Amino acid sequence: MKIINYTEAKTNLRKTLDECELTSEPVCIVSRNNQMVIISKAQYDKDKRELYALKAMAFNKQFNGVK
């Protein structure tokens, strides 16, 4: 994960967003009081699908054989 400070992110926002999308690597933006992570929309969608599949598998495993 790439880590940059707020000022660098603000100055190079377009470049930071393009790089994040191109590499599918999250970017952590750090300020004095906060830390935020940016991921591409494609990565977000992939993560949501994987989470849904994992939850479905856990649900099926938990209730498998219960009548």
C-alpha atoms as a PDB file:
ATOM      1  CA  MET A   1       0.000   0.000   0.000  1.00  0.00           C
ATOM      2  CA  LYS A   2       1.324   3.377  -0.960  1.00  0.00           C
ATOM      3  CA  ILE A   3       1.303   5.949   1.857  1.00  0.00           C
ATOM      4  CA  ILE A   4       1.304   9.681   1.135  1.00  0.00           C
ATOM      5  CA  ASN A   5       0.596  12.771   3.173  1.00  0.00           C
ATOM      6  CA  TYR A   6      -2.456  14.959   2.679  1.00  0.00           C
ATOM      7  CA  THR A   7      -0.558  17.783   0.992  1.00  0.00           C
ATOM      8  CA  GLU A   8       0.962  15.442  -1.587  1.00  0.00           C
ATOM      9  CA  ALA A   9      -2.446  13.870  -2.250  1.00  0.00           C
ATOM     10  CA  LYS A  10      -4.054  17.283  -2.672  1.00  0.00           C
ATOM     11  CA  THR A  11      -1.298  18.521  -4.981  1.00  0.00           C
ATOM     12  CA  ASN A  12      -1.252  15.356  -7.111  1.00  0.00           C
ATOM     13  CA  LEU A  13      -4.845  14.184  -6.831  1.00  0.00           C
ATOM     14  CA  ARG A  14      -5.348  13.257 -10.505  1.00  0.00           C
ATOM     15  CA  LYS A  15      -2.025  11.397 -10.642  1.00  0.00           C
ATOM     16  CA  THR A  16      -2.757   9.611  -7.352  1.00  0.00           C
ATOM     17  CA  LEU A  17      -6.211   8.493  -8.512  1.00  0.00           C
ATOM     18  CA  ASP A  18      -4.938   7.368 -11.915  1.00  0.00           C
ATOM     19  CA  GLU A  19      -2.109   5.395 -10.321  1.00  0.00           C
ATOM     20  CA  CYS A  20      -4.480   3.777  -7.842  1.00  0.00           C
ATOM     21  CA  GLU A  21      -6.775   2.663 -10.646  1.00  0.00           C
ATOM     22  CA  LEU A  22      -3.965   1.499 -12.905  1.00  0.00           C
ATOM     23  CA  THR A  23      -2.146  -0.575 -10.281  1.00  0.00           C
ATOM     24  CA  SER A  24      -5.201  -1.629  -8.221  1.00  0.00           C
ATOM     25  CA  GLU A  25      -3.069  -0.775  -5.199  1.00  0.00           C
ATOM     26  CA  PRO A  26      -4.713   1.092  -2.307  1.00  0.00           C
ATOM     27  CA  VAL A  27      -3.355   4.499  -1.342  1.00  0.00           C
ATOM     28  CA  CYS A  28      -3.292   5.600   2.295  1.00  0.00           C
ATOM     29  CA  ILE A  29      -3.562   9.360   2.785  1.00  0.00           C
ATOM     30  CA  VAL A  30      -2.288  10.531   6.145  1.00  0.00           C
ATOM     31  CA  SER A  31      -2.985  13.884   7.752  1.00  0.00           C
ATOM     32  CA  ARG A  32      -2.281  15.122  11.235  1.00  0.00           C
ATOM     33  CA  ASN A  33      -5.565  13.748  12.597  1.00  0.00           C
ATOM     34  CA  ASN A  34      -6.766  11.173  10.061  1.00  0.00           C
ATOM     35  CA  GLN A  35      -5.849   8.270   7.842  1.00  0.00           C
ATOM     36  CA  MET A  36      -7.956   7.402   4.805  1.00  0.00           C
ATOM     37  CA  VAL A  37      -7.577   4.675   2.211  1.00  0.00           C
ATOM     38  CA  ILE A  38      -8.480   5.117  -1.445  1.00  0.00           C
ATOM     39  CA  ILE A  39      -9.175   2.111  -3.651  1.00  0.00           C
ATOM     40  CA  SER A  40     -10.385   1.942  -7.233  1.00  0.00           C
ATOM     41  CA  LYS A  41     -14.075   1.336  -7.947  1.00  0.00           C
ATOM     42  CA  ALA A  42     -13.143  -1.939  -9.662  1.00  0.00           C
ATOM     43  CA  GLN A  43     -11.287  -3.098  -6.540  1.00  0.00           C
ATOM     44  CA  TYR A  44     -14.186  -2.000  -4.323  1.00  0.00           C
ATOM     45  CA  ASP A  45     -16.653  -3.981  -6.454  1.00  0.00           C
ATOM     46  CA  LYS A  46     -14.384  -7.041  -6.379  1.00  0.00           C
ATOM     47  CA  ASP A  47     -14.038  -6.824  -2.594  1.00  0.00           C
ATOM     48  CA  LYS A  48     -17.825  -6.515  -2.173  1.00  0.00           C
ATOM     49  CA  ARG A  49     -18.426  -9.609  -4.349  1.00  0.00           C
ATOM     50  CA  GLU A  50     -15.845 -11.597  -2.393  1.00  0.00           C
ATOM     51  CA  LEU A  51     -17.345 -10.514   0.928  1.00  0.00           C
ATOM     52  CA  TYR A  52     -20.825 -11.501  -0.255  1.00  0.00           C
ATOM     53  CA  ALA A  53     -19.550 -14.928  -1.359  1.00  0.00           C
ATOM     54  CA  LEU A  54     -17.770 -15.469   1.968  1.00  0.00           C
ATOM     55  CA  LYS A  55     -20.889 -14.511   3.919  1.00  0.00           C
ATOM     56  CA  ALA A  56     -23.005 -16.861   1.799  1.00  0.00           C
ATOM     57  CA  MET A  57     -20.552 -19.718   2.367  1.00  0.00           C
ATOM     58  CA  ALA A  58     -20.517 -19.064   6.121  1.00  0.00           C
ATOM     59  CA  PHE A  59     -24.313 -18.957   6.204  1.00  0.00           C
ATOM     60  CA  ASN A  60     -24.577 -22.215   4.261  1.00  0.00           C
ATOM     61  CA  LYS A  61     -21.991 -23.881   6.469  1.00  0.00           C
ATOM     62  CA  GLN A  62     -23.754 -22.713   9.649  1.00  0.00           C
ATOM     63  CA  PHE A  63     -27.185 -23.964   8.568  1.00  0.00           C
ATOM     64  CA  ASN A  64     -26.160 -27.016   6.547  1.00  0.00           C
ATOM     65  CA  GLY A  65     -28.210 -29.962   7.737  1.00  0.00           C
ATOM     66  CA  VAL A  66     -30.470 -27.926  10.025  1.00  0.00           C
ATOM     67  CA  LYS A  67     -34.122 -28.864   9.396  1.00  0.00           C
END
